PDB file of N, CA and C in Angstrom:
ATOM      1  N   MET A   1      33.039  -8.785   0.033  1.00  0.00           N
ATOM      2  CA  MET A   1      31.927  -9.706   0.040  1.00  0.00           C
ATOM      3  C   MET A   1      31.230  -9.625   1.396  1.00  0.00           C
ATOM      4  N   VAL A   2      29.933  -9.538   1.349  1.00  0.00           N
ATOM      5  CA  VAL A   2      29.124  -9.495   2.556  1.00  0.00           C
ATOM      6  C   VAL A   2      28.644 -10.906   2.865  1.00  0.00           C
ATOM      7  N   GLU A   3      28.689 -11.251   4.126  1.00  0.00           N
ATOM      8  CA  GLU A   3      28.184 -12.548   4.545  1.00  0.00           C
ATOM      9  C   GLU A   3      27.033 -12.304   5.501  1.00  0.00           C
ATOM     10  N   ILE A   4      25.922 -12.965   5.250  1.00  0.00           N
ATOM     11  CA  ILE A   4      24.728 -12.819   6.074  1.00  0.00           C
ATOM     12  C   ILE A   4      24.500 -14.131   6.808  1.00  0.00           C
ATOM     13  N   LYS A   5      24.269 -14.030   8.095  1.00  0.00           N
ATOM     14  CA  LYS A   5      24.038 -15.228   8.899  1.00  0.00           C
ATOM     15  C   LYS A   5      22.597 -15.200   9.406  1.00  0.00           C
ATOM     16  N   LEU A   6      21.896 -16.294   9.206  1.00  0.00           N
ATOM     17  CA  LEU A   6      20.521 -16.431   9.672  1.00  0.00           C
ATOM     18  C   LEU A   6      20.453 -17.536  10.711  1.00  0.00           C
ATOM     19  N   LYS A   7      19.644 -17.311  11.718  1.00  0.00           N
ATOM     20  CA  LYS A   7      19.421 -18.338  12.732  1.00  0.00           C
ATOM     21  C   LYS A   7      17.973 -18.786  12.640  1.00  0.00           C
ATOM     22  N   SER A   8      17.776 -20.094  12.737  1.00  0.00           N
ATOM     23  CA  SER A   8      16.430 -20.642  12.635  1.00  0.00           C
ATOM     24  C   SER A   8      16.377 -21.980  13.350  1.00  0.00           C
ATOM     25  N   GLN A   9      15.189 -22.301  13.816  1.00  0.00           N
ATOM     26  CA  GLN A   9      14.980 -23.620  14.394  1.00  0.00           C
ATOM     27  C   GLN A   9      14.878 -24.679  13.295  1.00  0.00           C
ATOM     28  N   HIS A  10      14.735 -24.213  12.059  1.00  0.00           N
ATOM     29  CA  HIS A  10      14.585 -25.115  10.913  1.00  0.00           C
ATOM     30  C   HIS A  10      15.537 -24.670   9.796  1.00  0.00           C
ATOM     31  N   PRO A  11      16.833 -24.795  10.019  1.00  0.00           N
ATOM     32  CA  PRO A  11      17.811 -24.249   9.064  1.00  0.00           C
ATOM     33  C   PRO A  11      17.712 -24.833   7.658  1.00  0.00           C
ATOM     34  N   GLU A  12      17.458 -26.117   7.538  1.00  0.00           N
ATOM     35  CA  GLU A  12      17.372 -26.719   6.201  1.00  0.00           C
ATOM     36  C   GLU A  12      16.154 -26.200   5.441  1.00  0.00           C
ATOM     37  N   ALA A  13      15.046 -26.021   6.150  1.00  0.00           N
ATOM     38  CA  ALA A  13      13.841 -25.487   5.507  1.00  0.00           C
ATOM     39  C   ALA A  13      14.074 -24.054   5.042  1.00  0.00           C
ATOM     40  N   VAL A  14      14.718 -23.257   5.887  1.00  0.00           N
ATOM     41  CA  VAL A  14      15.005 -21.868   5.521  1.00  0.00           C
ATOM     42  C   VAL A  14      15.962 -21.823   4.334  1.00  0.00           C
ATOM     43  N   LYS A  15      16.973 -22.668   4.359  1.00  0.00           N
ATOM     44  CA  LYS A  15      17.926 -22.727   3.243  1.00  0.00           C
ATOM     45  C   LYS A  15      17.200 -23.097   1.946  1.00  0.00           C
ATOM     46  N   SER A  16      16.280 -24.040   2.023  1.00  0.00           N
ATOM     47  CA  SER A  16      15.508 -24.454   0.853  1.00  0.00           C
ATOM     48  C   SER A  16      14.625 -23.316   0.340  1.00  0.00           C
ATOM     49  N   ILE A  17      14.010 -22.588   1.252  1.00  0.00           N
ATOM     50  CA  ILE A  17      13.161 -21.449   0.879  1.00  0.00           C
ATOM     51  C   ILE A  17      13.989 -20.378   0.175  1.00  0.00           C
ATOM     52  N   ILE A  18      15.142 -20.073   0.722  1.00  0.00           N
ATOM     53  CA  ILE A  18      16.009 -19.050   0.132  1.00  0.00           C
ATOM     54  C   ILE A  18      16.502 -19.501  -1.239  1.00  0.00           C
ATOM     55  N   LYS A  19      16.887 -20.759  -1.336  1.00  0.00           N
ATOM     56  CA  LYS A  19      17.359 -21.288  -2.619  1.00  0.00           C
ATOM     57  C   LYS A  19      16.248 -21.212  -3.666  1.00  0.00           C
ATOM     58  N   SER A  20      15.037 -21.582  -3.282  1.00  0.00           N
ATOM     59  CA  SER A  20      13.894 -21.512  -4.199  1.00  0.00           C
ATOM     60  C   SER A  20      13.610 -20.076  -4.628  1.00  0.00           C
ATOM     61  N   ALA A  21      13.714 -19.156  -3.678  1.00  0.00           N
ATOM     62  CA  ALA A  21      13.484 -17.742  -3.996  1.00  0.00           C
ATOM     63  C   ALA A  21      14.535 -17.220  -4.970  1.00  0.00           C
ATOM     64  N   LEU A  22      15.783 -17.629  -4.787  1.00  0.00           N
ATOM     65  CA  LEU A  22      16.847 -17.210  -5.702  1.00  0.00           C
ATOM     66  C   LEU A  22      16.631 -17.789  -7.098  1.00  0.00           C
ATOM     67  N   ILE A  23      16.222 -19.041  -7.159  1.00  0.00           N
ATOM     68  CA  ILE A  23      15.945 -19.673  -8.456  1.00  0.00           C
ATOM     69  C   ILE A  23      14.795 -18.954  -9.154  1.00  0.00           C
ATOM     70  N   ALA A  24      13.736 -18.653  -8.408  1.00  0.00           N
ATOM     71  CA  ALA A  24      12.589 -17.949  -8.986  1.00  0.00           C
ATOM     72  C   ALA A  24      12.983 -16.547  -9.451  1.00  0.00           C
ATOM     73  N   ALA A  25      13.794 -15.862  -8.659  1.00  0.00           N
ATOM     74  CA  ALA A  25      14.242 -14.519  -9.037  1.00  0.00           C
ATOM     75  C   ALA A  25      15.094 -14.570 -10.299  1.00  0.00           C
ATOM     76  N   LEU A  26      15.930 -15.575 -10.410  1.00  0.00           N
ATOM     77  CA  LEU A  26      16.772 -15.717 -11.599  1.00  0.00           C
ATOM     78  C   LEU A  26      15.917 -16.024 -12.831  1.00  0.00           C
ATOM     79  N   GLN A  27      14.940 -16.906 -12.685  1.00  0.00           N
ATOM     80  CA  GLN A  27      14.049 -17.231 -13.808  1.00  0.00           C
ATOM     81  C   GLN A  27      13.254 -16.004 -14.250  1.00  0.00           C
ATOM     82  N   SER A  28      12.737 -15.261 -13.292  1.00  0.00           N
ATOM     83  CA  SER A  28      11.981 -14.051 -13.602  1.00  0.00           C
ATOM     84  C   SER A  28      12.862 -13.023 -14.305  1.00  0.00           C
ATOM     85  N   THR A  29      14.081 -12.878 -13.821  1.00  0.00           N
ATOM     86  CA  THR A  29      15.019 -11.936 -14.427  1.00  0.00           C
ATOM     87  C   THR A  29      15.379 -12.379 -15.839  1.00  0.00           C
ATOM     88  N   ASP A  30      15.622 -13.665 -16.031  1.00  0.00           N
ATOM     89  CA  ASP A  30      15.914 -14.185 -17.371  1.00  0.00           C
ATOM     90  C   ASP A  30      14.747 -13.940 -18.330  1.00  0.00           C
ATOM     91  N   ASN A  31      13.518 -14.135 -17.848  1.00  0.00           N
ATOM     92  CA  ASN A  31      12.339 -13.860 -18.679  1.00  0.00           C
ATOM     93  C   ASN A  31      12.272 -12.384 -19.048  1.00  0.00           C
ATOM     94  N   GLY A  32      12.548 -11.526 -18.083  1.00  0.00           N
ATOM     95  CA  GLY A  32      12.561 -10.086 -18.341  1.00  0.00           C
ATOM     96  C   GLY A  32      13.619  -9.705 -19.363  1.00  0.00           C
ATOM     97  N   ILE A  33      14.784 -10.321 -19.260  1.00  0.00           N
ATOM     98  CA  ILE A  33      15.866 -10.064 -20.225  1.00  0.00           C
ATOM     99  C   ILE A  33      15.420 -10.477 -21.624  1.00  0.00           C
ATOM    100  N   LYS A  34      14.809 -11.638 -21.727  1.00  0.00           N
ATOM    101  CA  LYS A  34      14.361 -12.144 -23.027  1.00  0.00           C
ATOM    102  C   LYS A  34      13.332 -11.194 -23.656  1.00  0.00           C
ATOM    103  N   ILE A  35      12.355 -10.772 -22.880  1.00  0.00           N
ATOM    104  CA  ILE A  35      11.317  -9.858 -23.372  1.00  0.00           C
ATOM    105  C   ILE A  35      11.928  -8.521 -23.770  1.00  0.00           C
ATOM    106  N   THR A  36      12.813  -8.003 -22.942  1.00  0.00           N
ATOM    107  CA  THR A  36      13.447  -6.716 -23.222  1.00  0.00           C
ATOM    108  C   THR A  36      14.303  -6.794 -24.478  1.00  0.00           C
ATOM    109  N   GLU A  37      15.041  -7.880 -24.641  1.00  0.00           N
ATOM    110  CA  GLU A  37      15.857  -8.049 -25.850  1.00  0.00           C
ATOM    111  C   GLU A  37      14.977  -8.129 -27.098  1.00  0.00           C
ATOM    112  N   GLN A  38      13.815  -8.768 -26.986  1.00  0.00           N
ATOM    113  CA  GLN A  38      12.885  -8.831 -28.122  1.00  0.00           C
ATOM    114  C   GLN A  38      12.389  -7.432 -28.487  1.00  0.00           C
ATOM    115  N   ARG A  39      12.070  -6.634 -27.483  1.00  0.00           N
ATOM    116  CA  ARG A  39      11.610  -5.264 -27.745  1.00  0.00           C
ATOM    117  C   ARG A  39      12.715  -4.434 -28.385  1.00  0.00           C
ATOM    118  N   LEU A  40      13.933  -4.599 -27.889  1.00  0.00           N
ATOM    119  CA  LEU A  40      15.058  -3.873 -28.486  1.00  0.00           C
ATOM    120  C   LEU A  40      15.259  -4.303 -29.935  1.00  0.00           C
ATOM    121  N   ASP A  41      15.137  -5.597 -30.206  1.00  0.00           N
ATOM    122  CA  ASP A  41      15.262  -6.095 -31.582  1.00  0.00           C
ATOM    123  C   ASP A  41      14.215  -5.461 -32.497  1.00  0.00           C
ATOM    124  N   GLU A  42      13.000  -5.285 -31.980  1.00  0.00           N
ATOM    125  CA  GLU A  42      11.940  -4.657 -32.775  1.00  0.00           C
ATOM    126  C   GLU A  42      12.321  -3.227 -33.155  1.00  0.00           C
ATOM    127  N   PHE A  43      12.838  -2.464 -32.200  1.00  0.00           N
ATOM    128  CA  PHE A  43      13.266  -1.094 -32.495  1.00  0.00           C
ATOM    129  C   PHE A  43      14.432  -1.092 -33.482  1.00  0.00           C
ATOM    130  N   GLU A  44      15.383  -1.990 -33.281  1.00  0.00           N
ATOM    131  CA  GLU A  44      16.551  -2.049 -34.164  1.00  0.00           C
ATOM    132  C   GLU A  44      16.140  -2.381 -35.597  1.00  0.00           C
ATOM    133  N   THR A  45      15.181  -3.275 -35.742  1.00  0.00           N
ATOM    134  CA  THR A  45      14.683  -3.631 -37.074  1.00  0.00           C
ATOM    135  C   THR A  45      13.911  -2.461 -37.688  1.00  0.00           C
ATOM    136  N   LYS A  46      13.044  -1.862 -36.902  1.00  0.00           N
ATOM    137  CA  LYS A  46      12.210  -0.762 -37.398  1.00  0.00           C
ATOM    138  C   LYS A  46      13.050   0.423 -37.865  1.00  0.00           C
ATOM    139  N   TYR A  47      14.086   0.761 -37.118  1.00  0.00           N
ATOM    140  CA  TYR A  47      14.880   1.961 -37.420  1.00  0.00           C
ATOM    141  C   TYR A  47      16.238   1.647 -38.052  1.00  0.00           C
ATOM    142  N   GLN A  48      16.505   0.368 -38.288  1.00  0.00           N
ATOM    143  CA  GLN A  48      17.757  -0.051 -38.925  1.00  0.00           C
ATOM    144  C   GLN A  48      18.996   0.510 -38.223  1.00  0.00           C
ATOM    145  N   LEU A  49      18.963   0.480 -36.897  1.00  0.00           N
ATOM    146  CA  LEU A  49      20.084   0.926 -36.061  1.00  0.00           C
ATOM    147  C   LEU A  49      20.243  -0.057 -34.913  1.00  0.00           C
ATOM    148  N   SER A  50      21.477  -0.304 -34.511  1.00  0.00           N
ATOM    149  CA  SER A  50      21.678  -1.064 -33.276  1.00  0.00           C
ATOM    150  C   SER A  50      21.333  -0.140 -32.114  1.00  0.00           C
ATOM    151  N   THR A  51      21.072  -0.710 -30.980  1.00  0.00           N
ATOM    152  CA  THR A  51      20.773   0.114 -29.804  1.00  0.00           C
ATOM    153  C   THR A  51      21.962   0.997 -29.459  1.00  0.00           C
ATOM    154  N   THR A  52      23.162   0.481 -29.597  1.00  0.00           N
ATOM    155  CA  THR A  52      24.365   1.273 -29.321  1.00  0.00           C
ATOM    156  C   THR A  52      24.443   2.474 -30.260  1.00  0.00           C
ATOM    157  N   GLU A  53      24.203   2.241 -31.553  1.00  0.00           N
ATOM    158  CA  GLU A  53      24.224   3.343 -32.526  1.00  0.00           C
ATOM    159  C   GLU A  53      23.124   4.353 -32.226  1.00  0.00           C
ATOM    160  N   PHE A  54      21.935   3.845 -31.912  1.00  0.00           N
ATOM    161  CA  PHE A  54      20.816   4.723 -31.578  1.00  0.00           C
ATOM    162  C   PHE A  54      21.155   5.623 -30.396  1.00  0.00           C
ATOM    163  N   LEU A  55      21.658   5.030 -29.321  1.00  0.00           N
ATOM    164  CA  LEU A  55      21.976   5.821 -28.127  1.00  0.00           C
ATOM    165  C   LEU A  55      23.039   6.868 -28.430  1.00  0.00           C
ATOM    166  N   HIS A  56      24.022   6.510 -29.224  1.00  0.00           N
ATOM    167  CA  HIS A  56      25.070   7.466 -29.597  1.00  0.00           C
ATOM    168  C   HIS A  56      24.458   8.641 -30.366  1.00  0.00           C
ATOM    169  N   LYS A  57      23.652   8.349 -31.370  1.00  0.00           N
ATOM    170  CA  LYS A  57      23.023   9.407 -32.170  1.00  0.00           C
ATOM    171  C   LYS A  57      22.065  10.241 -31.321  1.00  0.00           C
ATOM    172  N   PHE A  58      21.288   9.573 -30.487  1.00  0.00           N
ATOM    173  CA  PHE A  58      20.315  10.290 -29.663  1.00  0.00           C
ATOM    174  C   PHE A  58      21.024  11.208 -28.673  1.00  0.00           C
ATOM    175  N   ASN A  59      22.058  10.703 -28.032  1.00  0.00           N
ATOM    176  CA  ASN A  59      22.795  11.508 -27.049  1.00  0.00           C
ATOM    177  C   ASN A  59      23.552  12.660 -27.689  1.00  0.00           C
ATOM    178  N   ASN A  60      23.829  12.564 -28.985  1.00  0.00           N
ATOM    179  CA  ASN A  60      24.488  13.656 -29.710  1.00  0.00           C
ATOM    180  C   ASN A  60      23.475  14.556 -30.418  1.00  0.00           C
ATOM    181  N   ASN A  61      22.206  14.436 -30.033  1.00  0.00           N
ATOM    182  CA  ASN A  61      21.118  15.250 -30.593  1.00  0.00           C
ATOM    183  C   ASN A  61      20.991  15.115 -32.106  1.00  0.00           C
ATOM    184  N   GLU A  62      21.293  13.939 -32.618  1.00  0.00           N
ATOM    185  CA  GLU A  62      21.151  13.687 -34.051  1.00  0.00           C
ATOM    186  C   GLU A  62      19.770  13.131 -34.384  1.00  0.00           C
ATOM    187  N   LEU A  63      18.993  12.821 -33.361  1.00  0.00           N
ATOM    188  CA  LEU A  63      17.650  12.284 -33.551  1.00  0.00           C
ATOM    189  C   LEU A  63      16.666  13.097 -32.717  1.00  0.00           C
ATOM    190  N   PRO A  64      15.448  13.290 -33.224  1.00  0.00           N
ATOM    191  CA  PRO A  64      14.443  14.042 -32.455  1.00  0.00           C
ATOM    192  C   PRO A  64      13.852  13.178 -31.335  1.00  0.00           C
ATOM    193  N   HIS A  65      13.259  13.834 -30.369  1.00  0.00           N
ATOM    194  CA  HIS A  65      12.540  13.102 -29.320  1.00  0.00           C
ATOM    195  C   HIS A  65      11.242  12.566 -29.917  1.00  0.00           C
ATOM    196  N   SER A  66      10.918  11.346 -29.561  1.00  0.00           N
ATOM    197  CA  SER A  66       9.640  10.755 -29.971  1.00  0.00           C
ATOM    198  C   SER A  66       9.271   9.697 -28.943  1.00  0.00           C
ATOM    199  N   GLY A  67       8.029   9.296 -28.975  1.00  0.00           N
ATOM    200  CA  GLY A  67       7.577   8.267 -28.047  1.00  0.00           C
ATOM    201  C   GLY A  67       8.342   6.969 -28.215  1.00  0.00           C
ATOM    202  N   ASP A  68       8.568   6.584 -29.466  1.00  0.00           N
ATOM    203  CA  ASP A  68       9.332   5.366 -29.730  1.00  0.00           C
ATOM    204  C   ASP A  68      10.739   5.463 -29.158  1.00  0.00           C
ATOM    205  N   PHE A  69      11.369   6.606 -29.369  1.00  0.00           N
ATOM    206  CA  PHE A  69      12.749   6.754 -28.911  1.00  0.00           C
ATOM    207  C   PHE A  69      12.829   6.756 -27.388  1.00  0.00           C
ATOM    208  N   ASP A  70      11.850   7.381 -26.753  1.00  0.00           N
ATOM    209  CA  ASP A  70      11.824   7.360 -25.286  1.00  0.00           C
ATOM    210  C   ASP A  70      11.651   5.928 -24.773  1.00  0.00           C
ATOM    211  N   GLU A  71      10.795   5.177 -25.451  1.00  0.00           N
ATOM    212  CA  GLU A  71      10.577   3.779 -25.054  1.00  0.00           C
ATOM    213  C   GLU A  71      11.839   2.946 -25.302  1.00  0.00           C
ATOM    214  N   TRP A  72      12.516   3.209 -26.405  1.00  0.00           N
ATOM    215  CA  TRP A  72      13.747   2.500 -26.748  1.00  0.00           C
ATOM    216  C   TRP A  72      14.808   2.745 -25.680  1.00  0.00           C
ATOM    217  N   ILE A  73      14.934   3.987 -25.265  1.00  0.00           N
ATOM    218  CA  ILE A  73      15.884   4.327 -24.191  1.00  0.00           C
ATOM    219  C   ILE A  73      15.508   3.582 -22.913  1.00  0.00           C
ATOM    220  N   GLY A  74      14.219   3.572 -22.600  1.00  0.00           N
ATOM    221  CA  GLY A  74      13.755   2.873 -21.404  1.00  0.00           C
ATOM    222  C   GLY A  74      14.052   1.387 -21.446  1.00  0.00           C
ATOM    223  N   GLU A  75      13.839   0.769 -22.588  1.00  0.00           N
ATOM    224  CA  GLU A  75      14.134  -0.659 -22.730  1.00  0.00           C
ATOM    225  C   GLU A  75      15.630  -0.921 -22.591  1.00  0.00           C
ATOM    226  N   SER A  76      16.434  -0.023 -23.141  1.00  0.00           N
ATOM    227  CA  SER A  76      17.888  -0.171 -23.020  1.00  0.00           C
ATOM    228  C   SER A  76      18.325  -0.093 -21.559  1.00  0.00           C
ATOM    229  N   ARG A  77      17.761   0.856 -20.844  1.00  0.00           N
ATOM    230  CA  ARG A  77      18.087   0.991 -19.415  1.00  0.00           C
ATOM    231  C   ARG A  77      17.595  -0.216 -18.630  1.00  0.00           C
ATOM    232  N   MET A  78      16.421  -0.717 -19.001  1.00  0.00           N
ATOM    233  CA  MET A  78      15.876  -1.897 -18.324  1.00  0.00           C
ATOM    234  C   MET A  78      16.786  -3.101 -18.535  1.00  0.00           C
ATOM    235  N   LEU A  79      17.294  -3.272 -19.749  1.00  0.00           N
ATOM    236  CA  LEU A  79      18.188  -4.396 -20.012  1.00  0.00           C
ATOM    237  C   LEU A  79      19.443  -4.296 -19.154  1.00  0.00           C
ATOM    238  N   THR A  80      20.007  -3.110 -19.064  1.00  0.00           N
ATOM    239  CA  THR A  80      21.189  -2.906 -18.220  1.00  0.00           C
ATOM    240  C   THR A  80      20.876  -3.281 -16.776  1.00  0.00           C
ATOM    241  N   HIS A  81      19.733  -2.830 -16.285  1.00  0.00           N
ATOM    242  CA  HIS A  81      19.315  -3.129 -14.909  1.00  0.00           C
ATOM    243  C   HIS A  81      19.137  -4.638 -14.702  1.00  0.00           C
ATOM    244  N   LEU A  82      18.465  -5.290 -15.638  1.00  0.00           N
ATOM    245  CA  LEU A  82      18.206  -6.723 -15.493  1.00  0.00           C
ATOM    246  C   LEU A  82      19.485  -7.551 -15.560  1.00  0.00           C
ATOM    247  N   LEU A  83      20.394  -7.170 -16.433  1.00  0.00           N
ATOM    248  CA  LEU A  83      21.670  -7.892 -16.516  1.00  0.00           C
ATOM    249  C   LEU A  83      22.473  -7.737 -15.227  1.00  0.00           C
ATOM    250  N   ASP A  84      22.428  -6.539 -14.648  1.00  0.00           N
ATOM    251  CA  ASP A  84      23.109  -6.304 -13.372  1.00  0.00           C
ATOM    252  C   ASP A  84      22.465  -7.142 -12.263  1.00  0.00           C
ATOM    253  N   LYS A  85      21.144  -7.163 -12.260  1.00  0.00           N
ATOM    254  CA  LYS A  85      20.419  -7.956 -11.262  1.00  0.00           C
ATOM    255  C   LYS A  85      20.755  -9.443 -11.398  1.00  0.00           C
ATOM    256  N   LYS A  86      20.815  -9.931 -12.631  1.00  0.00           N
ATOM    257  CA  LYS A  86      21.144 -11.342 -12.864  1.00  0.00           C
ATOM    258  C   LYS A  86      22.531 -11.666 -12.322  1.00  0.00           C
ATOM    259  N   THR A  87      23.486 -10.794 -12.583  1.00  0.00           N
ATOM    260  CA  THR A  87      24.851 -11.000 -12.086  1.00  0.00           C
ATOM    261  C   THR A  87      24.863 -11.073 -10.565  1.00  0.00           C
ATOM    262  N   LYS A  88      24.097 -10.208  -9.926  1.00  0.00           N
ATOM    263  CA  LYS A  88      24.051 -10.197  -8.459  1.00  0.00           C
ATOM    264  C   LYS A  88      23.398 -11.461  -7.910  1.00  0.00           C
ATOM    265  N   ILE A  89      22.335 -11.903  -8.540  1.00  0.00           N
ATOM    266  CA  ILE A  89      21.676 -13.135  -8.085  1.00  0.00           C
ATOM    267  C   ILE A  89      22.621 -14.323  -8.249  1.00  0.00           C
ATOM    268  N   GLN A  90      23.280 -14.399  -9.394  1.00  0.00           N
ATOM    269  CA  GLN A  90      24.196 -15.512  -9.646  1.00  0.00           C
ATOM    270  C   GLN A  90      25.400 -15.483  -8.714  1.00  0.00           C
ATOM    271  N   GLY A  91      25.694 -14.331  -8.155  1.00  0.00           N
ATOM    272  CA  GLY A  91      26.831 -14.205  -7.253  1.00  0.00           C
ATOM    273  C   GLY A  91      26.542 -14.637  -5.827  1.00  0.00           C
ATOM    274  N   VAL A  92      25.288 -14.987  -5.555  1.00  0.00           N
ATOM    275  CA  VAL A  92      24.921 -15.421  -4.202  1.00  0.00           C
ATOM    276  C   VAL A  92      25.310 -16.885  -4.028  1.00  0.00           C
ATOM    277  N   GLU A  93      25.980 -17.142  -2.931  1.00  0.00           N
ATOM    278  CA  GLU A  93      26.387 -18.509  -2.605  1.00  0.00           C
ATOM    279  C   GLU A  93      25.846 -18.851  -1.224  1.00  0.00           C
ATOM    280  N   LEU A  94      25.109 -19.936  -1.143  1.00  0.00           N
ATOM    281  CA  LEU A  94      24.603 -20.391   0.151  1.00  0.00           C
ATOM    282  C   LEU A  94      25.649 -21.292   0.789  1.00  0.00           C
ATOM    283  N   VAL A  95      26.070 -20.919   1.981  1.00  0.00           N
ATOM    284  CA  VAL A  95      27.073 -21.702   2.699  1.00  0.00           C
ATOM    285  C   VAL A  95      26.484 -22.184   4.015  1.00  0.00           C
ATOM    286  N   ASP A  96      27.039 -23.250   4.526  1.00  0.00           N
ATOM    287  CA  ASP A  96      26.566 -23.787   5.815  1.00  0.00           C
ATOM    288  C   ASP A  96      27.238 -23.078   6.968  1.00  0.00           C
TER     289      ASP A  96
END
């Protein structure tokens, strides 16, 4: 675990700013997750495959390359990235 120490003439104000920024980042990330999950659901409905099944078939060359499939892969990667980011934001603890 990394600990970061900040010095300020206004420590409570800085702490409040950082807390607000973390809350905003978490809300933005949650919104991104929601949008990405909706897009993945659209692909899953359209092609009658779960994203996991799609990735397995695509990686085994069972499906051709197409614009939709490239976008589906991108959305899947984005979801992984956003979930990782959310975990990291939630892992931040402000201490005195």
